[in-house]
mmCIF file of all heavy atoms, coordinates in Angstrom:
data_MODEL
# 
_entry.id   MODEL 
# 
loop_
_atom_site.group_PDB 
_atom_site.id 
_atom_site.type_symbol 
_atom_site.label_atom_id 
_atom_site.label_alt_id 
_atom_site.label_comp_id 
_atom_site.label_asym_id 
_atom_site.label_entity_id 
_atom_site.label_seq_id 
_atom_site.pdbx_PDB_ins_code 
_atom_site.Cartn_x 
_atom_site.Cartn_y 
_atom_site.Cartn_z 
_atom_site.occupancy 
_atom_site.B_iso_or_equiv 
_atom_site.pdbx_formal_charge 
_atom_site.auth_seq_id 
_atom_site.auth_comp_id 
_atom_site.auth_asym_id 
_atom_site.auth_atom_id 
_atom_site.pdbx_PDB_model_num 
ATOM 1   N N   . ALA A 1 1  ? -57.881 64.718 -15.931 1.00 0.00 ? 1  ALA A N   1 
ATOM 2   C CA  . ALA A 1 1  ? -58.327 63.600 -16.755 1.00 0.00 ? 1  ALA A CA  1 
ATOM 3   C C   . ALA A 1 1  ? -57.528 63.614 -18.048 1.00 0.00 ? 1  ALA A C   1 
ATOM 4   O O   . ALA A 1 1  ? -56.922 64.622 -18.407 1.00 0.00 ? 1  ALA A O   1 
ATOM 5   C CB  . ALA A 1 1  ? -59.814 63.718 -17.062 1.00 0.00 ? 1  ALA A CB  1 
ATOM 6   N N   . ILE A 1 2  ? -57.547 62.502 -18.729 1.00 0.00 ? 2  ILE A N   1 
ATOM 7   C CA  . ILE A 1 2  ? -56.879 62.421 -20.024 1.00 0.00 ? 2  ILE A CA  1 
ATOM 8   C C   . ILE A 1 2  ? -57.837 61.739 -21.003 1.00 0.00 ? 2  ILE A C   1 
ATOM 9   O O   . ILE A 1 2  ? -58.559 60.814 -20.619 1.00 0.00 ? 2  ILE A O   1 
ATOM 10  C CB  . ILE A 1 2  ? -55.539 61.654 -19.930 1.00 0.00 ? 2  ILE A CB  1 
ATOM 11  C CG1 . ILE A 1 2  ? -54.796 61.711 -21.255 1.00 0.00 ? 2  ILE A CG1 1 
ATOM 12  C CG2 . ILE A 1 2  ? -55.755 60.227 -19.463 1.00 0.00 ? 2  ILE A CG2 1 
ATOM 13  C CD1 . ILE A 1 2  ? -53.374 61.199 -21.172 1.00 0.00 ? 2  ILE A CD1 1 
ATOM 14  N N   . ALA A 1 3  ? -57.870 62.241 -22.207 1.00 0.00 ? 3  ALA A N   1 
ATOM 15  C CA  . ALA A 1 3  ? -58.686 61.629 -23.256 1.00 0.00 ? 3  ALA A CA  1 
ATOM 16  C C   . ALA A 1 3  ? -57.736 61.157 -24.351 1.00 0.00 ? 3  ALA A C   1 
ATOM 17  O O   . ALA A 1 3  ? -56.890 61.922 -24.808 1.00 0.00 ? 3  ALA A O   1 
ATOM 18  C CB  . ALA A 1 3  ? -59.678 62.634 -23.815 1.00 0.00 ? 3  ALA A CB  1 
ATOM 19  N N   . LEU A 1 4  ? -57.857 59.917 -24.732 1.00 0.00 ? 4  LEU A N   1 
ATOM 20  C CA  . LEU A 1 4  ? -56.999 59.340 -25.758 1.00 0.00 ? 4  LEU A CA  1 
ATOM 21  C C   . LEU A 1 4  ? -57.818 59.085 -27.006 1.00 0.00 ? 4  LEU A C   1 
ATOM 22  O O   . LEU A 1 4  ? -58.915 58.519 -26.932 1.00 0.00 ? 4  LEU A O   1 
ATOM 23  C CB  . LEU A 1 4  ? -56.379 58.036 -25.248 1.00 0.00 ? 4  LEU A CB  1 
ATOM 24  C CG  . LEU A 1 4  ? -55.603 58.149 -23.943 1.00 0.00 ? 4  LEU A CG  1 
ATOM 25  C CD1 . LEU A 1 4  ? -55.167 56.779 -23.465 1.00 0.00 ? 4  LEU A CD1 1 
ATOM 26  C CD2 . LEU A 1 4  ? -54.420 59.077 -24.097 1.00 0.00 ? 4  LEU A CD2 1 
ATOM 27  N N   . PHE A 1 5  ? -57.302 59.479 -28.141 1.00 0.00 ? 5  PHE A N   1 
ATOM 28  C CA  . PHE A 1 5  ? -58.005 59.325 -29.404 1.00 0.00 ? 5  PHE A CA  1 
ATOM 29  C C   . PHE A 1 5  ? -57.110 58.639 -30.422 1.00 0.00 ? 5  PHE A C   1 
ATOM 30  O O   . PHE A 1 5  ? -55.914 58.893 -30.462 1.00 0.00 ? 5  PHE A O   1 
ATOM 31  C CB  . PHE A 1 5  ? -58.416 60.697 -29.969 1.00 0.00 ? 5  PHE A CB  1 
ATOM 32  C CG  . PHE A 1 5  ? -59.367 61.436 -29.098 1.00 0.00 ? 5  PHE A CG  1 
ATOM 33  C CD1 . PHE A 1 5  ? -58.911 62.304 -28.125 1.00 0.00 ? 5  PHE A CD1 1 
ATOM 34  C CD2 . PHE A 1 5  ? -60.728 61.262 -29.255 1.00 0.00 ? 5  PHE A CD2 1 
ATOM 35  C CE1 . PHE A 1 5  ? -59.791 62.989 -27.312 1.00 0.00 ? 5  PHE A CE1 1 
ATOM 36  C CE2 . PHE A 1 5  ? -61.627 61.948 -28.449 1.00 0.00 ? 5  PHE A CE2 1 
ATOM 37  C CZ  . PHE A 1 5  ? -61.146 62.812 -27.478 1.00 0.00 ? 5  PHE A CZ  1 
ATOM 38  N N   . TRP A 1 6  ? -57.707 57.790 -31.223 1.00 0.00 ? 6  TRP A N   1 
ATOM 39  C CA  . TRP A 1 6  ? -57.008 57.147 -32.316 1.00 0.00 ? 6  TRP A CA  1 
ATOM 40  C C   . TRP A 1 6  ? -57.790 57.386 -33.585 1.00 0.00 ? 6  TRP A C   1 
ATOM 41  O O   . TRP A 1 6  ? -58.964 57.716 -33.551 1.00 0.00 ? 6  TRP A O   1 
ATOM 42  C CB  . TRP A 1 6  ? -56.905 55.637 -32.070 1.00 0.00 ? 6  TRP A CB  1 
ATOM 43  C CG  . TRP A 1 6  ? -55.794 55.273 -31.164 1.00 0.00 ? 6  TRP A CG  1 
ATOM 44  C CD1 . TRP A 1 6  ? -54.556 54.830 -31.529 1.00 0.00 ? 6  TRP A CD1 1 
ATOM 45  C CD2 . TRP A 1 6  ? -55.788 55.316 -29.740 1.00 0.00 ? 6  TRP A CD2 1 
ATOM 46  N NE1 . TRP A 1 6  ? -53.801 54.593 -30.408 1.00 0.00 ? 6  TRP A NE1 1 
ATOM 47  C CE2 . TRP A 1 6  ? -54.542 54.886 -29.292 1.00 0.00 ? 6  TRP A CE2 1 
ATOM 48  C CE3 . TRP A 1 6  ? -56.730 55.686 -28.784 1.00 0.00 ? 6  TRP A CE3 1 
ATOM 49  C CZ2 . TRP A 1 6  ? -54.192 54.810 -27.961 1.00 0.00 ? 6  TRP A CZ2 1 
ATOM 50  C CZ3 . TRP A 1 6  ? -56.399 55.607 -27.453 1.00 0.00 ? 6  TRP A CZ3 1 
ATOM 51  C CH2 . TRP A 1 6  ? -55.142 55.168 -27.066 1.00 0.00 ? 6  TRP A CH2 1 
ATOM 52  N N   . ASN A 1 7  ? -57.149 57.199 -34.705 1.00 0.00 ? 7  ASN A N   1 
ATOM 53  C CA  . ASN A 1 7  ? -57.831 57.386 -35.978 1.00 0.00 ? 7  ASN A CA  1 
ATOM 54  C C   . ASN A 1 7  ? -58.252 56.049 -36.585 1.00 0.00 ? 7  ASN A C   1 
ATOM 55  O O   . ASN A 1 7  ? -58.403 55.916 -37.776 1.00 0.00 ? 7  ASN A O   1 
ATOM 56  C CB  . ASN A 1 7  ? -56.960 58.171 -36.954 1.00 0.00 ? 7  ASN A CB  1 
ATOM 57  C CG  . ASN A 1 7  ? -55.654 57.483 -37.253 1.00 0.00 ? 7  ASN A CG  1 
ATOM 58  O OD1 . ASN A 1 7  ? -55.268 56.546 -36.577 1.00 0.00 ? 7  ASN A OD1 1 
ATOM 59  N ND2 . ASN A 1 7  ? -54.962 57.952 -38.263 1.00 0.00 ? 7  ASN A ND2 1 
ATOM 60  N N   . GLU A 1 8  ? -58.463 55.049 -35.738 1.00 0.00 ? 8  GLU A N   1 
ATOM 61  C CA  . GLU A 1 8  ? -58.934 53.740 -36.169 1.00 0.00 ? 8  GLU A CA  1 
ATOM 62  C C   . GLU A 1 8  ? -60.123 53.335 -35.303 1.00 0.00 ? 8  GLU A C   1 
ATOM 63  O O   . GLU A 1 8  ? -60.119 53.557 -34.105 1.00 0.00 ? 8  GLU A O   1 
ATOM 64  C CB  . GLU A 1 8  ? -57.842 52.686 -36.009 1.00 0.00 ? 8  GLU A CB  1 
ATOM 65  C CG  . GLU A 1 8  ? -56.648 52.918 -36.905 1.00 0.00 ? 8  GLU A CG  1 
ATOM 66  C CD  . GLU A 1 8  ? -55.586 51.852 -36.725 1.00 0.00 ? 8  GLU A CD  1 
ATOM 67  O OE1 . GLU A 1 8  ? -55.943 50.719 -36.333 1.00 0.00 ? 8  GLU A OE1 1 
ATOM 68  O OE2 . GLU A 1 8  ? -54.431 52.150 -36.967 1.00 0.00 ? 8  GLU A OE2 1 
ATOM 69  N N   . HIS A 1 9  ? -61.111 52.754 -35.930 1.00 0.00 ? 9  HIS A N   1 
ATOM 70  C CA  . HIS A 1 9  ? -62.254 52.246 -35.172 1.00 0.00 ? 9  HIS A CA  1 
ATOM 71  C C   . HIS A 1 9  ? -61.941 50.836 -34.691 1.00 0.00 ? 9  HIS A C   1 
ATOM 72  O O   . HIS A 1 9  ? -61.366 50.042 -35.426 1.00 0.00 ? 9  HIS A O   1 
ATOM 73  C CB  . HIS A 1 9  ? -63.515 52.197 -36.038 1.00 0.00 ? 9  HIS A CB  1 
ATOM 74  C CG  . HIS A 1 9  ? -64.114 53.540 -36.256 1.00 0.00 ? 9  HIS A CG  1 
ATOM 75  N ND1 . HIS A 1 9  ? -64.816 54.197 -35.277 1.00 0.00 ? 9  HIS A ND1 1 
ATOM 76  C CD2 . HIS A 1 9  ? -64.111 54.352 -37.333 1.00 0.00 ? 9  HIS A CD2 1 
ATOM 77  C CE1 . HIS A 1 9  ? -65.228 55.355 -35.748 1.00 0.00 ? 9  HIS A CE1 1 
ATOM 78  N NE2 . HIS A 1 9  ? -64.814 55.475 -36.989 1.00 0.00 ? 9  HIS A NE2 1 
ATOM 79  N N   . VAL A 1 10 ? -62.345 50.562 -33.489 1.00 0.00 ? 10 VAL A N   1 
ATOM 80  C CA  . VAL A 1 10 ? -62.214 49.221 -32.942 1.00 0.00 ? 10 VAL A CA  1 
ATOM 81  C C   . VAL A 1 10 ? -63.610 48.624 -32.872 1.00 0.00 ? 10 VAL A C   1 
ATOM 82  O O   . VAL A 1 10 ? -64.497 49.182 -32.243 1.00 0.00 ? 10 VAL A O   1 
ATOM 83  C CB  . VAL A 1 10 ? -61.580 49.255 -31.532 1.00 0.00 ? 10 VAL A CB  1 
ATOM 84  C CG1 . VAL A 1 10 ? -61.515 47.858 -30.944 1.00 0.00 ? 10 VAL A CG1 1 
ATOM 85  C CG2 . VAL A 1 10 ? -60.206 49.900 -31.590 1.00 0.00 ? 10 VAL A CG2 1 
ATOM 86  N N   . HIS A 1 11 ? -63.804 47.532 -33.547 1.00 0.00 ? 11 HIS A N   1 
ATOM 87  C CA  . HIS A 1 11 ? -65.101 46.862 -33.539 1.00 0.00 ? 11 HIS A CA  1 
ATOM 88  C C   . HIS A 1 11 ? -65.130 45.850 -32.404 1.00 0.00 ? 11 HIS A C   1 
ATOM 89  O O   . HIS A 1 11 ? -64.292 44.954 -32.339 1.00 0.00 ? 11 HIS A O   1 
ATOM 90  C CB  . HIS A 1 11 ? -65.352 46.142 -34.866 1.00 0.00 ? 11 HIS A CB  1 
ATOM 91  C CG  . HIS A 1 11 ? -65.451 47.066 -36.028 1.00 0.00 ? 11 HIS A CG  1 
ATOM 92  N ND1 . HIS A 1 11 ? -66.618 47.688 -36.367 1.00 0.00 ? 11 HIS A ND1 1 
ATOM 93  C CD2 . HIS A 1 11 ? -64.525 47.502 -36.908 1.00 0.00 ? 11 HIS A CD2 1 
ATOM 94  C CE1 . HIS A 1 11 ? -66.417 48.447 -37.422 1.00 0.00 ? 11 HIS A CE1 1 
ATOM 95  N NE2 . HIS A 1 11 ? -65.148 48.350 -37.768 1.00 0.00 ? 11 HIS A NE2 1 
ATOM 96  N N   . SER A 1 12 ? -66.069 46.030 -31.494 1.00 0.00 ? 12 SER A N   1 
ATOM 97  C CA  . SER A 1 12 ? -66.257 45.075 -30.410 1.00 0.00 ? 12 SER A CA  1 
ATOM 98  C C   . SER A 1 12 ? -67.685 45.201 -29.898 1.00 0.00 ? 12 SER A C   1 
ATOM 99  O O   . SER A 1 12 ? -68.395 46.150 -30.223 1.00 0.00 ? 12 SER A O   1 
ATOM 100 C CB  . SER A 1 12 ? -65.269 45.330 -29.273 1.00 0.00 ? 12 SER A CB  1 
ATOM 101 O OG  . SER A 1 12 ? -65.649 46.466 -28.529 1.00 0.00 ? 12 SER A OG  1 
ATOM 102 N N   . ASP A 1 13 ? -68.086 44.268 -29.083 1.00 0.00 ? 13 ASP A N   1 
ATOM 103 C CA  . ASP A 1 13 ? -69.418 44.333 -28.479 1.00 0.00 ? 13 ASP A CA  1 
ATOM 104 C C   . ASP A 1 13 ? -69.563 45.583 -27.616 1.00 0.00 ? 13 ASP A C   1 
ATOM 105 O O   . ASP A 1 13 ? -70.648 46.140 -27.483 1.00 0.00 ? 13 ASP A O   1 
ATOM 106 C CB  . ASP A 1 13 ? -69.696 43.091 -27.636 1.00 0.00 ? 13 ASP A CB  1 
ATOM 107 C CG  . ASP A 1 13 ? -69.821 41.848 -28.502 1.00 0.00 ? 13 ASP A CG  1 
ATOM 108 O OD1 . ASP A 1 13 ? -70.101 41.981 -29.709 1.00 0.00 ? 13 ASP A OD1 1 
ATOM 109 O OD2 . ASP A 1 13 ? -69.628 40.749 -27.957 1.00 0.00 ? 13 ASP A OD2 1 
ATOM 110 N N   . ALA A 1 14 ? -68.461 46.040 -27.034 1.00 0.00 ? 14 ALA A N   1 
ATOM 111 C CA  . ALA A 1 14 ? -68.495 47.208 -26.148 1.00 0.00 ? 14 ALA A CA  1 
ATOM 112 C C   . ALA A 1 14 ? -68.801 48.500 -26.898 1.00 0.00 ? 14 ALA A C   1 
ATOM 113 O O   . ALA A 1 14 ? -69.234 49.479 -26.299 1.00 0.00 ? 14 ALA A O   1 
ATOM 114 C CB  . ALA A 1 14 ? -67.169 47.343 -25.405 1.00 0.00 ? 14 ALA A CB  1 
ATOM 115 N N   . SER A 1 15 ? -68.573 48.533 -28.201 1.00 0.00 ? 15 SER A N   1 
ATOM 116 C CA  . SER A 1 15 ? -68.819 49.771 -28.955 1.00 0.00 ? 15 SER A CA  1 
ATOM 117 C C   . SER A 1 15 ? -70.295 50.017 -29.208 1.00 0.00 ? 15 SER A C   1 
ATOM 118 O O   . SER A 1 15 ? -70.669 51.097 -29.666 1.00 0.00 ? 15 SER A O   1 
ATOM 119 C CB  . SER A 1 15 ? -68.055 49.744 -30.281 1.00 0.00 ? 15 SER A CB  1 
ATOM 120 O OG  . SER A 1 15 ? -68.573 48.754 -31.132 1.00 0.00 ? 15 SER A OG  1 
ATOM 121 N N   . ASN A 1 16 ? -71.133 49.035 -28.930 1.00 0.00 ? 16 ASN A N   1 
ATOM 122 C CA  . ASN A 1 16 ? -72.591 49.185 -29.049 1.00 0.00 ? 16 ASN A CA  1 
ATOM 123 C C   . ASN A 1 16 ? -73.032 49.759 -30.392 1.00 0.00 ? 16 ASN A C   1 
ATOM 124 O O   . ASN A 1 16 ? -73.920 50.596 -30.459 1.00 0.00 ? 16 ASN A O   1 
ATOM 125 C CB  . ASN A 1 16 ? -73.136 50.055 -27.915 1.00 0.00 ? 16 ASN A CB  1 
ATOM 126 C CG  . ASN A 1 16 ? -72.984 49.395 -26.571 1.00 0.00 ? 16 ASN A CG  1 
ATOM 127 O OD1 . ASN A 1 16 ? -73.173 48.198 -26.450 1.00 0.00 ? 16 ASN A OD1 1 
ATOM 128 N ND2 . ASN A 1 16 ? -72.629 50.174 -25.570 1.00 0.00 ? 16 ASN A ND2 1 
ATOM 129 N N   . GLY A 1 17 ? -72.395 49.350 -31.477 1.00 0.00 ? 17 GLY A N   1 
ATOM 130 C CA  . GLY A 1 17 ? -72.801 49.791 -32.804 1.00 0.00 ? 17 GLY A CA  1 
ATOM 131 C C   . GLY A 1 17 ? -72.357 51.194 -33.178 1.00 0.00 ? 17 GLY A C   1 
ATOM 132 O O   . GLY A 1 17 ? -72.830 51.760 -34.159 1.00 0.00 ? 17 GLY A O   1 
ATOM 133 N N   . PHE A 1 18 ? -71.436 51.782 -32.413 1.00 0.00 ? 18 PHE A N   1 
ATOM 134 C CA  . PHE A 1 18 ? -70.993 53.149 -32.685 1.00 0.00 ? 18 PHE A CA  1 
ATOM 135 C C   . PHE A 1 18 ? -70.482 53.300 -34.112 1.00 0.00 ? 18 PHE A C   1 
ATOM 136 O O   . PHE A 1 18 ? -70.858 54.224 -34.827 1.00 0.00 ? 18 PHE A O   1 
ATOM 137 C CB  . PHE A 1 18 ? -69.905 53.565 -31.694 1.00 0.00 ? 18 PHE A CB  1 
ATOM 138 C CG  . PHE A 1 18 ? -69.287 54.895 -32.016 1.00 0.00 ? 18 PHE A CG  1 
ATOM 139 C CD1 . PHE A 1 18 ? -69.938 56.066 -31.667 1.00 0.00 ? 18 PHE A CD1 1 
ATOM 140 C CD2 . PHE A 1 18 ? -68.085 54.986 -32.683 1.00 0.00 ? 18 PHE A CD2 1 
ATOM 141 C CE1 . PHE A 1 18 ? -69.392 57.305 -31.975 1.00 0.00 ? 18 PHE A CE1 1 
ATOM 142 C CE2 . PHE A 1 18 ? -67.527 56.212 -33.001 1.00 0.00 ? 18 PHE A CE2 1 
ATOM 143 C CZ  . PHE A 1 18 ? -68.189 57.371 -32.644 1.00 0.00 ? 18 PHE A CZ  1 
ATOM 144 N N   . PHE A 1 19 ? -69.602 52.400 -34.534 1.00 0.00 ? 19 PHE A N   1 
ATOM 145 C CA  . PHE A 1 19 ? -69.021 52.500 -35.870 1.00 0.00 ? 19 PHE A CA  1 
ATOM 146 C C   . PHE A 1 19 ? -70.098 52.548 -36.938 1.00 0.00 ? 19 PHE A C   1 
ATOM 147 O O   . PHE A 1 19 ? -70.071 53.396 -37.825 1.00 0.00 ? 19 PHE A O   1 
ATOM 148 C CB  . PHE A 1 19 ? -68.074 51.320 -36.122 1.00 0.00 ? 19 PHE A CB  1 
ATOM 149 C CG  . PHE A 1 19 ? -67.455 51.343 -37.490 1.00 0.00 ? 19 PHE A CG  1 
ATOM 150 C CD1 . PHE A 1 19 ? -66.370 52.141 -37.759 1.00 0.00 ? 19 PHE A CD1 1 
ATOM 151 C CD2 . PHE A 1 19 ? -67.975 50.558 -38.502 1.00 0.00 ? 19 PHE A CD2 1 
ATOM 152 C CE1 . PHE A 1 19 ? -65.802 52.180 -39.028 1.00 0.00 ? 19 PHE A CE1 1 
ATOM 153 C CE2 . PHE A 1 19 ? -67.413 50.582 -39.770 1.00 0.00 ? 19 PHE A CE2 1 
ATOM 154 C CZ  . PHE A 1 19 ? -66.330 51.386 -40.029 1.00 0.00 ? 19 PHE A CZ  1 
ATOM 155 N N   . GLU A 1 20 ? -71.053 51.656 -36.838 1.00 0.00 ? 20 GLU A N   1 
ATOM 156 C CA  . GLU A 1 20 ? -72.123 51.614 -37.833 1.00 0.00 ? 20 GLU A CA  1 
ATOM 157 C C   . GLU A 1 20 ? -72.972 52.882 -37.802 1.00 0.00 ? 20 GLU A C   1 
ATOM 158 O O   . GLU A 1 20 ? -73.379 53.399 -38.847 1.00 0.00 ? 20 GLU A O   1 
ATOM 159 C CB  . GLU A 1 20 ? -73.003 50.381 -37.589 1.00 0.00 ? 20 GLU A CB  1 
ATOM 160 C CG  . GLU A 1 20 ? -72.296 49.056 -37.854 1.00 0.00 ? 20 GLU A CG  1 
ATOM 161 C CD  . GLU A 1 20 ? -71.322 48.636 -36.754 1.00 0.00 ? 20 GLU A CD  1 
ATOM 162 O OE1 . GLU A 1 20 ? -71.370 49.193 -35.637 1.00 0.00 ? 20 GLU A OE1 1 
ATOM 163 O OE2 . GLU A 1 20 ? -70.505 47.749 -37.024 1.00 0.00 ? 20 GLU A OE2 1 
ATOM 164 N N   . GLU A 1 21 ? -73.229 53.412 -36.616 1.00 0.00 ? 21 GLU A N   1 
ATOM 165 C CA  . GLU A 1 21 ? -74.064 54.603 -36.476 1.00 0.00 ? 21 GLU A CA  1 
ATOM 166 C C   . GLU A 1 21 ? -73.418 55.859 -37.073 1.00 0.00 ? 21 GLU A C   1 
ATOM 167 O O   . GLU A 1 21 ? -74.105 56.719 -37.609 1.00 0.00 ? 21 GLU A O   1 
ATOM 168 C CB  . GLU A 1 21 ? -74.383 54.863 -35.004 1.00 0.00 ? 21 GLU A CB  1 
ATOM 169 C CG  . GLU A 1 21 ? -75.284 53.825 -34.377 1.00 0.00 ? 21 GLU A CG  1 
ATOM 170 C CD  . GLU A 1 21 ? -76.711 53.915 -34.890 1.00 0.00 ? 21 GLU A CD  1 
ATOM 171 O OE1 . GLU A 1 21 ? -77.177 55.020 -35.192 1.00 0.00 ? 21 GLU A OE1 1 
ATOM 172 O OE2 . GLU A 1 21 ? -77.348 52.853 -34.981 1.00 0.00 ? 21 GLU A OE2 1 
ATOM 173 N N   . VAL A 1 22 ? -72.109 55.989 -36.970 1.00 0.00 ? 22 VAL A N   1 
ATOM 174 C CA  . VAL A 1 22 ? -71.465 57.221 -37.443 1.00 0.00 ? 22 VAL A CA  1 
ATOM 175 C C   . VAL A 1 22 ? -71.159 57.214 -38.935 1.00 0.00 ? 22 VAL A C   1 
ATOM 176 O O   . VAL A 1 22 ? -70.781 58.244 -39.487 1.00 0.00 ? 22 VAL A O   1 
ATOM 177 C CB  . VAL A 1 22 ? -70.174 57.551 -36.654 1.00 0.00 ? 22 VAL A CB  1 
ATOM 178 C CG1 . VAL A 1 22 ? -70.478 57.776 -35.199 1.00 0.00 ? 22 VAL A CG1 1 
ATOM 179 C CG2 . VAL A 1 22 ? -69.116 56.500 -36.845 1.00 0.00 ? 22 VAL A CG2 1 
ATOM 180 N N   . GLN A 1 23 ? -71.346 56.083 -39.598 1.00 0.00 ? 23 GLN A N   1 
ATOM 181 C CA  . GLN A 1 23 ? -71.035 56.034 -41.025 1.00 0.00 ? 23 GLN A CA  1 
ATOM 182 C C   . GLN A 1 23 ? -71.849 57.048 -41.831 1.00 0.00 ? 23 GLN A C   1 
ATOM 183 O O   . GLN A 1 23 ? -71.328 57.668 -42.757 1.00 0.00 ? 23 GLN A O   1 
ATOM 184 C CB  . GLN A 1 23 ? -71.224 54.621 -41.573 1.00 0.00 ? 23 GLN A CB  1 
ATOM 185 C CG  . GLN A 1 23 ? -70.220 53.623 -41.033 1.00 0.00 ? 23 GLN A CG  1 
ATOM 186 C CD  . GLN A 1 23 ? -68.797 54.103 -41.150 1.00 0.00 ? 23 GLN A CD  1 
ATOM 187 O OE1 . GLN A 1 23 ? -68.281 54.308 -42.243 1.00 0.00 ? 23 GLN A OE1 1 
ATOM 188 N NE2 . GLN A 1 23 ? -68.146 54.305 -40.012 1.00 0.00 ? 23 GLN A NE2 1 
ATOM 189 N N   . GLU A 1 24 ? -73.118 57.241 -41.490 1.00 0.00 ? 24 GLU A N   1 
ATOM 190 C CA  . GLU A 1 24 ? -73.953 58.206 -42.200 1.00 0.00 ? 24 GLU A CA  1 
ATOM 191 C C   . GLU A 1 24 ? -73.408 59.626 -42.013 1.00 0.00 ? 24 GLU A C   1 
ATOM 192 O O   . GLU A 1 24 ? -73.365 60.420 -42.953 1.00 0.00 ? 24 GLU A O   1 
ATOM 193 C CB  . GLU A 1 24 ? -75.393 58.125 -41.707 1.00 0.00 ? 24 GLU A CB  1 
ATOM 194 C CG  . GLU A 1 24 ? -76.343 58.980 -42.507 1.00 0.00 ? 24 GLU A CG  1 
ATOM 195 C CD  . GLU A 1 24 ? -77.784 58.791 -42.071 1.00 0.00 ? 24 GLU A CD  1 
ATOM 196 O OE1 . GLU A 1 24 ? -78.172 57.672 -41.716 1.00 0.00 ? 24 GLU A OE1 1 
ATOM 197 O OE2 . GLU A 1 24 ? -78.507 59.808 -42.107 1.00 0.00 ? 24 GLU A OE2 1 
ATOM 198 N N   . LEU A 1 25 ? -72.968 59.936 -40.792 1.00 0.00 ? 25 LEU A N   1 
ATOM 199 C CA  . LEU A 1 25 ? -72.365 61.254 -40.545 1.00 0.00 ? 25 LEU A CA  1 
ATOM 200 C C   . LEU A 1 25 ? -71.083 61.428 -41.342 1.00 0.00 ? 25 LEU A C   1 
ATOM 201 O O   . LEU A 1 25 ? -70.849 62.468 -41.954 1.00 0.00 ? 25 LEU A O   1 
ATOM 202 C CB  . LEU A 1 25 ? -72.065 61.440 -39.051 1.00 0.00 ? 25 LEU A CB  1 
ATOM 203 C CG  . LEU A 1 25 ? -73.260 61.602 -38.144 1.00 0.00 ? 25 LEU A CG  1 
ATOM 204 C CD1 . LEU A 1 25 ? -72.822 61.581 -36.690 1.00 0.00 ? 25 LEU A CD1 1 
ATOM 205 C CD2 . LEU A 1 25 ? -73.985 62.891 -38.463 1.00 0.00 ? 25 LEU A CD2 1 
ATOM 206 N N   . TYR A 1 26 ? -70.236 60.403 -41.316 1.00 0.00 ? 26 TYR A N   1 
ATOM 207 C CA  . TYR A 1 26 ? -68.995 60.482 -42.093 1.00 0.00 ? 26 TYR A CA  1 
ATOM 208 C C   . TYR A 1 26 ? -69.292 60.694 -43.571 1.00 0.00 ? 26 TYR A C   1 
ATOM 209 O O   . TYR A 1 26 ? -68.636 61.491 -44.230 1.00 0.00 ? 26 TYR A O   1 
ATOM 210 C CB  . TYR A 1 26 ? -68.178 59.204 -41.934 1.00 0.00 ? 26 TYR A CB  1 
ATOM 211 C CG  . TYR A 1 26 ? -67.509 59.021 -40.593 1.00 0.00 ? 26 TYR A CG  1 
ATOM 212 C CD1 . TYR A 1 26 ? -67.080 57.774 -40.195 1.00 0.00 ? 26 TYR A CD1 1 
ATOM 213 C CD2 . TYR A 1 26 ? -67.284 60.081 -39.729 1.00 0.00 ? 26 TYR A CD2 1 
ATOM 214 C CE1 . TYR A 1 26 ? -66.449 57.580 -38.971 1.00 0.00 ? 26 TYR A CE1 1 
ATOM 215 C CE2 . TYR A 1 26 ? -66.674 59.912 -38.501 1.00 0.00 ? 26 TYR A CE2 1 
ATOM 216 C CZ  . TYR A 1 26 ? -66.248 58.651 -38.145 1.00 0.00 ? 26 TYR A CZ  1 
ATOM 217 O OH  . TYR A 1 26 ? -65.631 58.473 -36.947 1.00 0.00 ? 26 TYR A OH  1 
# 
């Protein structure tokens, strides 16, 4: 398997609010 990571968040309906949820952790 391969896992690809970027240092930019992509905002889309598919992210299911991930960006917003991790802001408190960041």
